[in-house]
Amino acid sequence: MALIGTLTSGVSALSTFSKGLEVIGNNIANVNTTGFKSSNASFEQSFANTLRGSTPSSGSTSDTSAIQIGAGVQVAGIAQDFSQGALNSTGNTTDLGISGNGFFIVKDAASSTQYATRDGQFKVDSNGYLTTQLGMRVQGLTGAGLKTVGDVRIGASLPTGAALQSVSIDNSGNVVEYYSDGTNATTNQIQLQNFNDPSALMQTGGNLYTELTNAGPVGGGILTGGNVPDTNGLGKVKSGTLEQSNVDLAQQFSDLITTQRSFQAGSRLITVSDTVLDDVVNLKRS
């Protein structure tokens, strides 16, 4: 316990509100990041020093209230806001936005690790796989009858003598290929995954989330059933669009000013505490 309690409170304020500034700074820095979800820091009182405990009243005495002095502030939590971001048109078929709930599931082909993402800026690689910009393969139903969950691959089974001309993706995630012989076929269906507790997802960079099991995947497992877009509470897949960041810049700047002033107030506490301690030291000299 510090000699002057305001010193402890001031230090906790600087430490805590600097974290708040970091959260706000990260939100503002990602205002143009595709599929980014903003975060909000909340604060709570730290433990309190008890000078006197409370006691109940009795037949001969009145109740006694507690006397406590707080020891500062600490971060209560940093919650991510998973609300919908605006969908901006790009005109690129493989750019996919989600209108509503759900996440795309992508997989690292090397490690087989699965990730969730709201960033639908996909591309078709040299092998025909639909991937993220980092090369993670988009997961969906593939194969005969679209019954197997796996990597979405375009142009894998072309009709004899035909070439792939174009591709379309509808609101339900159906990938339809159009061929030079005038035929077409639905070869894949992109799937979405919803979670009971999205706050348990952990950001890992590259607009990806890990800890999918901890977040409680709806359906009991990742893409184990009921994952067709526009059904079972899942959103629609909007081809040719990308979901923008849901950062509200006006709110962030307002929070920035408030948190900055709180930080400055904490620094003022430390200055005052230093002055008081200096006076205590000088008592001996005088």
Protein backbone atom coordinates (compact mmCIF):
# COMPACT_ATOMS: atom_id res chain seq x y z
CA MET A 1 0.00 0.00 0.00
CA ALA A 2 1.41 3.36 -1.03
CA LEU A 3 2.07 6.08 1.54
CA ILE A 4 -0.21 8.35 -0.45
CA GLY A 5 -3.17 6.44 -1.91
CA THR A 6 -3.65 8.91 -4.75
CA LEU A 7 -0.31 7.76 -6.16
CA THR A 8 -1.62 4.20 -6.54
CA SER A 9 -4.88 5.46 -8.03
CA GLY A 10 -3.06 7.74 -10.45
CA VAL A 11 -0.71 4.99 -11.64
CA SER A 12 -3.67 2.62 -12.17
CA ALA A 13 -5.45 5.34 -14.15
CA LEU A 14 -2.46 5.84 -16.47
CA SER A 15 -2.06 2.10 -17.00
CA THR A 16 -5.78 1.48 -17.54
CA PHE A 17 -6.65 4.44 -19.73
CA SER A 18 -3.59 3.84 -21.89
CA LYS A 19 -5.21 0.49 -22.74
CA GLY A 20 -8.41 2.34 -23.57
CA LEU A 21 -6.47 4.63 -25.90
CA GLU A 22 -4.90 1.58 -27.57
CA VAL A 23 -8.35 0.10 -28.25
CA ILE A 24 -9.61 3.37 -29.74
CA GLY A 25 -6.42 3.79 -31.77
CA ASN A 26 -6.79 0.31 -33.23
CA ASN A 27 -10.42 1.02 -34.18
CA ILE A 28 -9.50 4.24 -35.95
CA ALA A 29 -6.53 2.62 -37.71
CA ASN A 30 -8.85 -0.08 -39.13
CA VAL A 31 -11.64 2.21 -40.26
CA ASN A 32 -11.10 1.04 -43.87
CA THR A 33 -10.28 -2.62 -43.10
CA THR A 34 -12.66 -5.04 -44.83
CA GLY A 35 -14.91 -6.87 -42.38
CA PHE A 36 -13.27 -5.27 -39.32
CA LYS A 37 -15.30 -5.26 -36.09
CA SER A 38 -14.63 -2.46 -33.62
CA SER A 39 -13.95 -3.04 -29.92
CA ASN A 40 -14.97 -1.18 -26.78
CA ALA A 41 -13.06 -1.09 -23.51
CA SER A 42 -14.95 -0.96 -20.21
CA PHE A 43 -13.53 -0.17 -16.79
CA GLU A 44 -14.19 -1.13 -13.20
CA GLN A 45 -13.03 -0.18 -9.73
CA SER A 46 -10.00 -2.00 -8.41
CA PHE A 47 -9.97 -3.53 -4.93
CA ALA A 48 -10.67 -1.25 -1.95
CA ASN A 49 -8.79 -0.77 1.31
CA THR A 50 -11.16 -1.37 4.22
CA LEU A 51 -10.72 0.95 7.19
CA ARG A 52 -13.79 -0.37 8.98
CA GLY A 53 -16.14 -3.19 8.20
CA SER A 54 -19.91 -2.88 8.44
CA THR A 55 -21.81 -4.37 11.38
CA PRO A 56 -25.53 -5.09 11.80
CA SER A 57 -27.69 -3.40 14.41
CA SER A 58 -28.61 -5.13 17.66
CA GLY A 59 -30.94 -4.50 20.52
CA SER A 60 -28.58 -1.96 22.07
CA THR A 61 -26.53 -0.65 19.13
CA SER A 62 -27.21 0.77 15.69
CA ASP A 63 -25.74 -0.67 12.53
CA THR A 64 -22.33 0.60 11.46
CA SER A 65 -21.54 1.40 7.83
CA ALA A 66 -18.31 0.33 6.20
CA ILE A 67 -15.48 2.74 5.53
CA GLN A 68 -13.47 1.91 2.42
CA ILE A 69 -11.09 3.75 0.14
CA GLY A 70 -10.74 2.56 -3.43
CA ALA A 71 -7.31 1.79 -4.83
CA GLY A 72 -7.87 2.81 -8.43
CA VAL A 73 -9.28 1.50 -11.69
CA GLN A 74 -8.71 -1.50 -13.93
CA VAL A 75 -9.89 -2.84 -17.31
CA ALA A 76 -13.16 -4.75 -16.86
CA GLY A 77 -13.24 -6.09 -20.40
CA ILE A 78 -12.70 -5.38 -24.09
CA ALA A 79 -15.79 -6.39 -26.04
CA GLN A 80 -15.96 -6.64 -29.81
CA ASP A 81 -18.96 -5.22 -31.65
CA PHE A 82 -20.09 -7.77 -34.26
CA SER A 83 -22.82 -5.58 -35.73
CA GLN A 84 -23.26 -5.42 -39.51
CA GLY A 85 -20.95 -3.21 -41.54
CA ALA A 86 -22.06 -1.51 -44.74
CA LEU A 87 -21.84 -3.53 -47.97
CA ASN A 88 -20.03 -1.74 -50.76
CA SER A 89 -20.31 -2.87 -54.37
CA THR A 90 -17.10 -3.93 -56.11
CA GLY A 91 -18.39 -5.64 -59.24
CA ASN A 92 -16.00 -8.56 -58.68
CA THR A 93 -17.90 -11.87 -58.54
CA THR A 94 -15.57 -13.48 -56.00
CA ASP A 95 -15.88 -10.56 -53.58
CA LEU A 96 -18.46 -11.81 -51.08
CA GLY A 97 -20.20 -9.86 -48.35
CA ILE A 98 -22.47 -11.32 -45.68
CA SER A 99 -25.77 -9.55 -45.13
CA GLY A 100 -26.74 -10.81 -41.68
CA ASN A 101 -25.28 -13.35 -39.29
CA GLY A 102 -22.49 -15.82 -39.87
CA PHE A 103 -18.85 -16.13 -40.81
CA PHE A 104 -17.00 -17.66 -43.74
CA ILE A 105 -14.86 -20.63 -42.75
CA VAL A 106 -11.44 -20.82 -44.38
CA LYS A 107 -8.69 -23.40 -43.99
CA ASP A 108 -4.93 -23.36 -44.12
CA ALA A 109 -4.11 -26.09 -46.62
CA ALA A 110 -0.72 -26.74 -45.01
CA SER A 111 -1.85 -27.18 -41.39
CA SER A 112 -5.58 -27.87 -41.91
CA THR A 113 -6.31 -25.19 -39.27
CA GLN A 114 -9.70 -23.58 -39.73
CA TYR A 115 -10.46 -19.90 -39.23
CA ALA A 116 -13.57 -17.74 -39.27
CA THR A 117 -13.70 -14.42 -41.11
CA ARG A 118 -16.11 -11.73 -42.27
CA ASP A 119 -13.61 -10.58 -44.89
CA GLY A 120 -14.94 -11.93 -48.18
CA GLN A 121 -12.26 -10.48 -50.45
CA PHE A 122 -11.61 -13.79 -52.17
CA LYS A 123 -9.78 -14.78 -55.33
CA VAL A 124 -9.38 -17.88 -57.48
CA ASP A 125 -5.81 -19.18 -57.32
CA SER A 126 -3.85 -20.93 -60.07
CA ASN A 127 -5.33 -24.31 -59.04
CA GLY A 128 -8.90 -23.08 -59.10
CA TYR A 129 -9.36 -22.86 -55.32
CA LEU A 130 -11.36 -19.95 -53.92
CA THR A 131 -9.02 -18.41 -51.34
CA THR A 132 -8.45 -15.40 -49.12
CA GLN A 133 -5.74 -12.92 -50.02
CA LEU A 134 -3.44 -14.93 -47.71
CA GLY A 135 -4.17 -18.19 -49.51
CA MET A 136 -6.62 -19.72 -47.00
CA ARG A 137 -9.13 -21.93 -48.83
CA VAL A 138 -12.85 -21.15 -48.51
CA GLN A 139 -14.93 -24.06 -47.19
CA GLY A 140 -18.25 -25.27 -48.56
CA LEU A 141 -20.14 -28.22 -49.98
CA THR A 142 -18.43 -29.85 -52.94
CA GLY A 143 -18.43 -33.07 -54.95
CA ALA A 144 -21.30 -35.08 -56.41
CA GLY A 145 -24.59 -33.92 -54.97
CA LEU A 146 -22.82 -31.27 -52.89
CA LYS A 147 -22.68 -33.51 -49.83
CA THR A 148 -19.03 -33.22 -48.81
CA VAL A 149 -17.55 -30.29 -46.86
CA GLY A 150 -14.24 -29.29 -48.37
CA ASP A 151 -12.27 -26.70 -50.32
CA VAL A 152 -14.35 -24.73 -52.80
CA ARG A 153 -12.72 -25.28 -56.18
CA ILE A 154 -13.85 -23.77 -59.46
CA GLY A 155 -13.39 -25.40 -62.85
CA ALA A 156 -12.35 -28.75 -61.39
CA SER A 157 -14.70 -30.84 -63.58
CA LEU A 158 -15.26 -29.27 -66.96
CA PRO A 159 -17.49 -30.92 -69.58
CA THR A 160 -15.51 -32.68 -72.31
CA GLY A 161 -14.31 -30.20 -74.90
CA ALA A 162 -15.74 -27.21 -73.03
CA ALA A 163 -14.04 -24.27 -71.32
CA LEU A 164 -15.09 -22.28 -68.30
CA GLN A 165 -16.53 -18.93 -69.34
CA SER A 166 -17.92 -17.34 -66.18
CA VAL A 167 -19.04 -17.97 -62.61
CA SER A 168 -21.91 -16.65 -60.50
CA ILE A 169 -22.62 -16.95 -56.78
CA ASP A 170 -26.16 -16.49 -55.46
CA ASN A 171 -27.53 -15.44 -52.05
CA SER A 172 -27.51 -19.06 -50.87
CA GLY A 173 -23.82 -19.47 -51.70
CA ASN A 174 -24.40 -21.66 -54.78
CA VAL A 175 -21.45 -21.46 -57.16
CA VAL A 176 -22.71 -21.84 -60.73
CA GLU A 177 -20.21 -22.39 -63.54
CA TYR A 178 -21.05 -21.49 -67.15
CA TYR A 179 -19.26 -23.29 -69.98
CA SER A 180 -18.45 -22.55 -73.60
CA ASP A 181 -20.80 -25.29 -74.84
CA GLY A 182 -23.80 -23.42 -73.43
CA THR A 183 -24.27 -25.62 -70.35
CA ASN A 184 -23.92 -24.74 -66.70
CA ALA A 185 -23.59 -26.60 -63.39
CA THR A 186 -23.75 -25.86 -59.66
CA THR A 187 -20.41 -27.24 -58.54
CA ASN A 188 -20.04 -25.84 -55.00
CA GLN A 189 -22.04 -24.18 -52.25
CA ILE A 190 -20.26 -21.79 -49.91
CA GLN A 191 -21.25 -22.37 -46.28
CA LEU A 192 -21.54 -19.99 -43.33
CA GLN A 193 -21.01 -20.70 -39.64
CA ASN A 194 -22.73 -18.93 -36.77
CA PHE A 195 -21.58 -18.98 -33.13
CA ASN A 196 -23.45 -18.90 -29.83
CA ASP A 197 -20.79 -16.65 -28.30
CA PRO A 198 -18.81 -14.73 -30.93
CA SER A 199 -17.01 -12.85 -28.15
CA ALA A 200 -15.02 -16.04 -27.48
CA LEU A 201 -13.43 -15.81 -30.93
CA MET A 202 -9.84 -14.56 -30.87
CA GLN A 203 -8.33 -12.25 -33.47
CA THR A 204 -5.19 -13.66 -35.03
CA GLY A 205 -4.37 -11.09 -37.73
CA GLY A 206 -5.23 -11.09 -41.40
CA ASN A 207 -8.93 -10.51 -40.53
CA LEU A 208 -9.09 -14.08 -39.18
CA TYR A 209 -10.49 -15.53 -35.95
CA THR A 210 -9.38 -18.63 -34.07
CA GLU A 211 -10.81 -20.57 -31.07
CA LEU A 212 -13.90 -21.55 -33.06
CA THR A 213 -14.81 -24.38 -30.69
CA ASN A 214 -14.70 -22.08 -27.65
CA ALA A 215 -17.22 -19.78 -29.35
CA GLY A 216 -19.82 -22.57 -29.46
CA PRO A 217 -20.50 -23.24 -33.15
CA VAL A 218 -24.22 -23.46 -33.83
CA GLY A 219 -25.00 -27.03 -34.91
CA GLY A 220 -22.44 -28.52 -32.54
CA GLY A 221 -19.45 -28.39 -34.87
CA ILE A 222 -17.84 -26.40 -37.68
CA LEU A 223 -19.95 -26.83 -40.84
CA THR A 224 -21.63 -29.97 -39.53
CA GLY A 225 -25.08 -29.12 -40.87
CA GLY A 226 -27.60 -26.32 -41.30
CA ASN A 227 -24.95 -23.98 -42.68
CA VAL A 228 -26.66 -22.94 -45.92
CA PRO A 229 -26.69 -19.13 -46.25
CA ASP A 230 -30.10 -17.44 -45.94
CA THR A 231 -31.42 -20.31 -43.75
CA ASN A 232 -31.43 -21.10 -40.02
CA GLY A 233 -30.78 -17.49 -39.05
CA LEU A 234 -27.73 -17.14 -41.29
CA GLY A 235 -27.23 -14.13 -43.53
CA LYS A 236 -27.22 -13.93 -47.29
CA VAL A 237 -24.08 -14.12 -49.41
CA LYS A 238 -23.91 -11.02 -51.59
CA SER A 239 -21.63 -11.53 -54.58
CA GLY A 240 -19.82 -8.47 -55.90
CA THR A 241 -19.80 -6.70 -52.53
CA LEU A 242 -17.50 -6.38 -49.52
CA GLU A 243 -18.46 -5.64 -45.95
CA GLN A 244 -16.82 -2.51 -44.66
CA SER A 245 -15.57 -1.82 -41.14
CA ASN A 246 -18.32 -1.05 -38.61
CA VAL A 247 -16.18 1.62 -36.92
CA ASP A 248 -18.16 4.79 -36.13
CA LEU A 249 -15.51 7.49 -36.49
CA ALA A 250 -17.58 10.19 -34.78
CA GLN A 251 -18.06 7.96 -31.73
CA GLN A 252 -14.40 6.96 -31.70
CA PHE A 253 -13.21 10.56 -31.69
CA SER A 254 -15.65 11.35 -28.90
CA ASP A 255 -14.33 8.40 -26.88
CA LEU A 256 -10.77 9.47 -27.69
CA ILE A 257 -11.30 12.91 -26.14
CA THR A 258 -12.98 11.45 -23.04
CA THR A 259 -10.28 8.84 -22.50
CA GLN A 260 -7.50 11.36 -23.10
CA ARG A 261 -8.93 13.65 -20.43
CA SER A 262 -9.20 10.72 -18.03
CA PHE A 263 -5.53 9.93 -18.70
CA GLN A 264 -4.57 13.54 -18.08
CA ALA A 265 -6.53 13.55 -14.81
CA GLY A 266 -4.63 10.44 -13.72
CA SER A 267 -1.31 12.13 -14.48
CA ARG A 268 -2.44 15.12 -12.44
CA LEU A 269 -3.08 12.78 -9.49
CA ILE A 270 0.50 11.57 -9.67
CA THR A 271 1.81 15.15 -9.78
CA VAL A 272 -0.22 16.10 -6.71
CA SER A 273 0.91 12.93 -4.89
CA ASP A 274 4.53 13.75 -5.67
CA THR A 275 4.08 17.25 -4.23
CA VAL A 276 2.50 15.87 -1.04
CA LEU A 277 5.29 13.29 -0.62
CA ASP A 278 7.85 16.04 -1.12
CA ASP A 279 6.17 18.01 1.67
CA VAL A 280 6.34 14.96 3.94
CA VAL A 281 10.07 14.56 3.27
CA ASN A 282 10.67 18.24 3.96
CA LEU A 283 8.97 17.99 7.36
CA LYS A 284 12.05 16.27 8.72
CA ARG A 285 14.35 18.90 7.29
CA SER A 286 12.34 21.73 8.73
